[in-house]
C-alpha atoms as a PDB file:
ATOM      1  CA  MET A   1      66.988  39.864  91.263  1.00  0.00           C
ATOM      2  CA  ARG A   2      67.796  41.112  94.702  1.00  0.00           C
ATOM      3  CA  THR A   3      66.222  44.083  96.291  1.00  0.00           C
ATOM      4  CA  MET A   4      68.140  47.261  96.813  1.00  0.00           C
ATOM      5  CA  TYR A   5      68.181  46.671 100.528  1.00  0.00           C
ATOM      6  CA  GLU A   6      69.685  43.221 100.191  1.00  0.00           C
ATOM      7  CA  VAL A   7      72.345  44.359  97.763  1.00  0.00           C
ATOM      8  CA  LYS A   8      73.367  47.266  99.894  1.00  0.00           C
ATOM      9  CA  GLN A   9      73.493  45.078 103.082  1.00  0.00           C
ATOM     10  CA  ARG A  10      75.721  42.538 101.213  1.00  0.00           C
ATOM     11  CA  ALA A  11      77.998  45.399 100.012  1.00  0.00           C
ATOM     12  CA  ILE A  12      78.383  46.753 103.575  1.00  0.00           C
ATOM     13  CA  GLU A  13      78.972  43.200 104.858  1.00  0.00           C
ATOM     14  CA  TRP A  14      81.729  42.434 102.462  1.00  0.00           C
ATOM     15  CA  GLN A  15      83.285  45.964 102.890  1.00  0.00           C
ATOM     16  CA  GLY A  16      83.349  45.273 106.616  1.00  0.00           C
ATOM     17  CA  LYS A  17      85.063  41.869 106.107  1.00  0.00           C
ATOM     18  CA  ARG A  18      87.592  43.577 103.754  1.00  0.00           C
ATOM     19  CA  LEU A  19      88.359  46.328 106.425  1.00  0.00           C
ATOM     20  CA  ARG A  20      88.722  43.608 109.122  1.00  0.00           C
ATOM     21  CA  LEU A  21      91.212  41.778 107.026  1.00  0.00           C
ATOM     22  CA  LYS A  22      93.159  45.000 106.276  1.00  0.00           C
ATOM     23  CA  ARG A  23      93.628  45.500 110.052  1.00  0.00           C
ATOM     24  CA  THR A  24      94.720  41.913 110.365  1.00  0.00           C
ATOM     25  CA  VAL A  25      97.377  42.281 107.633  1.00  0.00           C
ATOM     26  CA  THR A  26      98.499  45.645 109.400  1.00  0.00           C
ATOM     27  CA  GLY A  27      98.663  43.975 112.789  1.00  0.00           C
ATOM     28  CA  ALA A  28     100.662  41.024 111.481  1.00  0.00           C
ATOM     29  CA  ALA A  29     103.067  43.317 109.567  1.00  0.00           C
ATOM     30  CA  LEU A  30     103.556  45.424 112.711  1.00  0.00           C
ATOM     31  CA  MET A  31     104.320  42.294 114.645  1.00  0.00           C
ATOM     32  CA  ILE A  32     106.878  41.213 112.129  1.00  0.00           C
ATOM     33  CA  ALA A  33     108.494  44.716 112.272  1.00  0.00           C
ATOM     34  CA  ALA A  34     108.513  44.599 116.113  1.00  0.00           C
ATOM     35  CA  VAL A  35     110.111  41.204 116.140  1.00  0.00           C
ATOM     36  CA  LEU A  36     112.876  42.420 113.698  1.00  0.00           C
ATOM     37  CA  SER A  37     113.467  45.617 115.603  1.00  0.00           C
ATOM     38  CA  VAL A  38     113.904  43.704 118.825  1.00  0.00           C
ATOM     39  CA  VAL A  39     116.437  41.436 117.096  1.00  0.00           C
ATOM     40  CA  ILE A  40     118.348  44.306 115.709  1.00  0.00           C
ATOM     41  CA  TYR A  41     118.322  46.148 119.034  1.00  0.00           C
ATOM     42  CA  LYS A  42     119.457  43.083 120.939  1.00  0.00           C
ATOM     43  CA  ALA A  43     122.149  42.390 118.393  1.00  0.00           C
ATOM     44  CA  THR A  44     123.536  45.887 118.430  1.00  0.00           C
ATOM     45  CA  ALA A  45     123.411  45.848 122.340  1.00  0.00           C
ATOM     46  CA  GLY A  46     125.199  42.612 122.496  1.00  0.00           C
ATOM     47  CA  GLN A  47     122.366  40.864 124.316  1.00  0.00           C
ATOM     48  CA  ASP A  48     121.367  37.239 123.940  1.00  0.00           C
ATOM     49  CA  ILE A  49     118.667  36.551 121.452  1.00  0.00           C
ATOM     50  CA  ARG A  50     116.176  33.657 121.852  1.00  0.00           C
ATOM     51  CA  TRP A  51     116.118  32.480 118.229  1.00  0.00           C
ATOM     52  CA  SER A  52     113.440  29.972 118.771  1.00  0.00           C
ATOM     53  CA  VAL A  53     111.057  32.663 119.997  1.00  0.00           C
ATOM     54  CA  VAL A  54     112.075  34.974 117.200  1.00  0.00           C
ATOM     55  CA  ILE A  55     111.610  32.412 114.498  1.00  0.00           C
ATOM     56  CA  GLY A  56     108.333  31.266 115.905  1.00  0.00           C
ATOM     57  CA  LEU A  57     106.885  34.772 116.233  1.00  0.00           C
ATOM     58  CA  PHE A  58     108.192  35.651 112.773  1.00  0.00           C
ATOM     59  CA  ALA A  59     106.653  32.586 111.206  1.00  0.00           C
ATOM     60  CA  VAL A  60     103.285  33.149 112.839  1.00  0.00           C
ATOM     61  CA  GLY A  61     103.368  36.770 111.724  1.00  0.00           C
ATOM     62  CA  LEU A  62     104.350  35.811 108.176  1.00  0.00           C
ATOM     63  CA  VAL A  63     101.589  33.091 107.883  1.00  0.00           C
ATOM     64  CA  VAL A  64      98.977  35.424 109.195  1.00  0.00           C
ATOM     65  CA  CYS A  65     100.063  38.170 106.992  1.00  0.00           C
ATOM     66  CA  VAL A  66     100.212  36.195 103.808  1.00  0.00           C
ATOM     67  CA  GLY A  67      96.958  34.317 104.513  1.00  0.00           C
ATOM     68  CA  SER A  68      95.207  37.560 105.288  1.00  0.00           C
ATOM     69  CA  LEU A  69      96.485  39.239 102.147  1.00  0.00           C
ATOM     70  CA  MET A  70      95.139  36.442  99.961  1.00  0.00           C
ATOM     71  CA  ALA A  71      91.719  36.605 101.769  1.00  0.00           C
ATOM     72  CA  TYR A  72      91.819  40.395 101.463  1.00  0.00           C
ATOM     73  CA  ALA A  73      92.263  40.280  97.689  1.00  0.00           C
ATOM     74  CA  ASN A  74      89.273  37.945  97.481  1.00  0.00           C
ATOM     75  CA  THR A  75      86.926  39.896  99.691  1.00  0.00           C
ATOM     76  CA  MET A  76      87.934  43.104  97.913  1.00  0.00           C
ATOM     77  CA  LEU A  77      86.685  41.606  94.641  1.00  0.00           C
ATOM     78  CA  VAL A  78      83.423  40.531  96.359  1.00  0.00           C
ATOM     79  CA  ALA A  79      82.967  44.017  97.849  1.00  0.00           C
ATOM     80  CA  MET A  80      83.496  45.624  94.455  1.00  0.00           C
ATOM     81  CA  TYR A  81      81.033  43.292  92.795  1.00  0.00           C
ATOM     82  CA  TYR A  82      78.245  44.097  95.219  1.00  0.00           C
ATOM     83  CA  ALA A  83      79.153  47.876  95.081  1.00  0.00           C
ATOM     84  CA  ALA A  84      78.809  47.696  91.403  1.00  0.00           C
ATOM     85  CA  TYR A  85      75.478  45.808  91.592  1.00  0.00           C
ATOM     86  CA  ALA A  86      74.191  48.403  94.166  1.00  0.00           C
ATOM     87  CA  ARG A  87      75.139  51.229  91.871  1.00  0.00           C
ATOM     88  CA  LEU A  88      73.051  49.614  89.038  1.00  0.00           C
ATOM     89  CA  LEU A  89      70.077  49.516  91.264  1.00  0.00           C
ATOM     90  CA  GLU A  90      70.604  52.936  92.898  1.00  0.00           C
ATOM     91  CA  ALA A  91      71.997  55.166  90.212  1.00  0.00           C
ATOM     92  CA  PRO A  92      72.477  53.453  86.850  1.00  0.00           C
ATOM     93  CA  GLU A  93      73.337  56.721  85.184  1.00  0.00           C
ATOM     94  CA  GLU A  94      76.499  56.883  87.115  1.00  0.00           C
ATOM     95  CA  LEU A  95      77.897  53.740  85.647  1.00  0.00           C
ATOM     96  CA  ASP A  96      80.656  53.929  83.071  1.00  0.00           C
ATOM     97  CA  LEU A  97      79.540  53.334  79.520  1.00  0.00           C
ATOM     98  CA  VAL A  98      82.018  51.300  77.372  1.00  0.00           C
ATOM     99  CA  THR A  99      81.214  50.593  73.636  1.00  0.00           C
ATOM    100  CA  GLY A 100      83.577  48.213  71.770  1.00  0.00           C
ATOM    101  CA  THR A 101      84.073  44.903  70.048  1.00  0.00           C
ATOM    102  CA  LEU A 102      83.871  41.717  72.188  1.00  0.00           C
ATOM    103  CA  GLU A 103      87.351  39.982  71.693  1.00  0.00           C
ATOM    104  CA  GLU A 104      87.384  37.179  74.053  1.00  0.00           C
ATOM    105  CA  VAL A 105      85.173  35.444  76.647  1.00  0.00           C
ATOM    106  CA  SER A 106      86.420  32.988  79.314  1.00  0.00           C
ATOM    107  CA  ARG A 107      85.025  31.512  82.455  1.00  0.00           C
ATOM    108  CA  VAL A 108      86.615  32.398  85.790  1.00  0.00           C
ATOM    109  CA  GLN A 109      85.769  30.932  89.171  1.00  0.00           C
ATOM    110  CA  MET A 110      85.526  33.797  91.535  1.00  0.00           C
ATOM    111  CA  PRO A 111      85.801  33.128  95.268  1.00  0.00           C
ATOM    112  CA  TYR A 112      82.546  33.619  97.278  1.00  0.00           C
ATOM    113  CA  ILE A 113      80.705  34.869  94.112  1.00  0.00           C
ATOM    114  CA  GLY A 114      80.903  31.764  91.897  1.00  0.00           C
ATOM    115  CA  MET A 115      81.285  31.414  88.171  1.00  0.00           C
ATOM    116  CA  LEU A 116      81.679  34.622  86.221  1.00  0.00           C
ATOM    117  CA  TYR A 117      82.863  35.308  82.761  1.00  0.00           C
ATOM    118  CA  GLN A 118      85.842  37.574  81.948  1.00  0.00           C
ATOM    119  CA  VAL A 119      85.197  39.494  78.883  1.00  0.00           C
ATOM    120  CA  THR A 120      87.808  41.312  76.859  1.00  0.00           C
ATOM    121  CA  VAL A 121      86.551  44.333  74.864  1.00  0.00           C
ATOM    122  CA  SER A 122      88.506  46.233  72.365  1.00  0.00           C
ATOM    123  CA  VAL A 123      87.859  50.133  72.470  1.00  0.00           C
ATOM    124  CA  ALA A 124      89.758  52.214  69.969  1.00  0.00           C
ATOM    125  CA  GLY A 125      92.581  49.582  69.678  1.00  0.00           C
ATOM    126  CA  GLU A 126      92.992  49.110  73.344  1.00  0.00           C
ATOM    127  CA  SER A 127      91.819  46.073  75.280  1.00  0.00           C
ATOM    128  CA  TYR A 128      89.882  46.263  78.522  1.00  0.00           C
ATOM    129  CA  ARG A 129      88.865  43.238  80.778  1.00  0.00           C
ATOM    130  CA  TYR A 130      85.679  43.094  82.865  1.00  0.00           C
ATOM    131  CA  TYR A 131      83.815  40.389  84.830  1.00  0.00           C
ATOM    132  CA  CYS A 132      80.226  39.722  84.444  1.00  0.00           C
ATOM    133  CA  PRO A 133      77.639  36.966  85.141  1.00  0.00           C
ATOM    134  CA  GLY A 134      76.988  34.563  82.338  1.00  0.00           C
ATOM    135  CA  LYS A 135      73.333  35.533  81.936  1.00  0.00           C
ATOM    136  CA  LEU A 136      74.355  38.973  80.692  1.00  0.00           C
ATOM    137  CA  LEU A 137      76.194  37.310  77.764  1.00  0.00           C
ATOM    138  CA  GLN A 138      73.254  35.302  76.319  1.00  0.00           C
ATOM    139  CA  GLY A 139      72.950  36.035  72.569  1.00  0.00           C
ATOM    140  CA  VAL A 140      76.293  37.889  72.356  1.00  0.00           C
ATOM    141  CA  TYR A 141      79.204  36.374  70.456  1.00  0.00           C
ATOM    142  CA  PRO A 142      82.820  37.299  69.875  1.00  0.00           C
ATOM    143  CA  GLN A 143      83.577  40.003  67.317  1.00  0.00           C
ATOM    144  CA  GLU A 144      80.186  41.711  67.943  1.00  0.00           C
ATOM    145  CA  ARG A 145      79.819  45.310  68.940  1.00  0.00           C
ATOM    146  CA  ILE A 146      78.563  45.615  72.499  1.00  0.00           C
ATOM    147  CA  ARG A 147      77.858  48.294  74.995  1.00  0.00           C
ATOM    148  CA  LEU A 148      78.807  47.683  78.613  1.00  0.00           C
ATOM    149  CA  ARG A 149      77.698  49.460  81.802  1.00  0.00           C
ATOM    150  CA  THR A 150      80.568  49.055  84.145  1.00  0.00           C
ATOM    151  CA  HIS A 151      81.837  49.940  87.605  1.00  0.00           C
ATOM    152  CA  ASP A 152      85.269  49.140  88.583  1.00  0.00           C
ATOM    153  CA  LEU A 153      86.142  45.697  87.204  1.00  0.00           C
ATOM    154  CA  PHE A 154      82.608  44.512  86.728  1.00  0.00           C
ATOM    155  CA  ALA A 155      80.213  44.729  83.772  1.00  0.00           C
ATOM    156  CA  ILE A 156      76.709  45.054  85.171  1.00  0.00           C
ATOM    157  CA  ARG A 157      74.809  45.297  81.907  1.00  0.00           C
ATOM    158  CA  VAL A 158      75.612  44.126  78.393  1.00  0.00           C
ATOM    159  CA  ASP A 159      73.798  45.271  75.291  1.00  0.00           C
ATOM    160  CA  ARG A 160      74.350  44.503  71.623  1.00  0.00           C
ATOM    161  CA  VAL A 161      74.902  47.537  69.481  1.00  0.00           C
END
């Protein structure tokens, strides 16, 4: 188990990565908008347009934007994971308590975190999905009543009821 300081440092680190990627996505989107606005301006003004430059800048902006969006989604999940873990160590009473029937368990490869389990819990007829490390599910089987301590998308503690 990691210390509180290590977990907080990891949460801060991944939050910083997420914010940098958010700025990159914003910058690439602004570049695409600028290229399109120059094309529209030159087209309405009747000026010549260098299509090779326009296509090149647009393609670079699009590749950077799409690539950064994919990385942003991955880093957001990692930041949420470490934030949930820090919440468990810092203030476990602030975690959400979910009690229900375990419906389904499947393995999911998460970027940067590794192998997690996606659990589906039925609470009052509605299904909710959470991600959790496999060690939390030891001795727990489908159709059993369980109690989860959750934060965002992650179950941090699993107990049999």
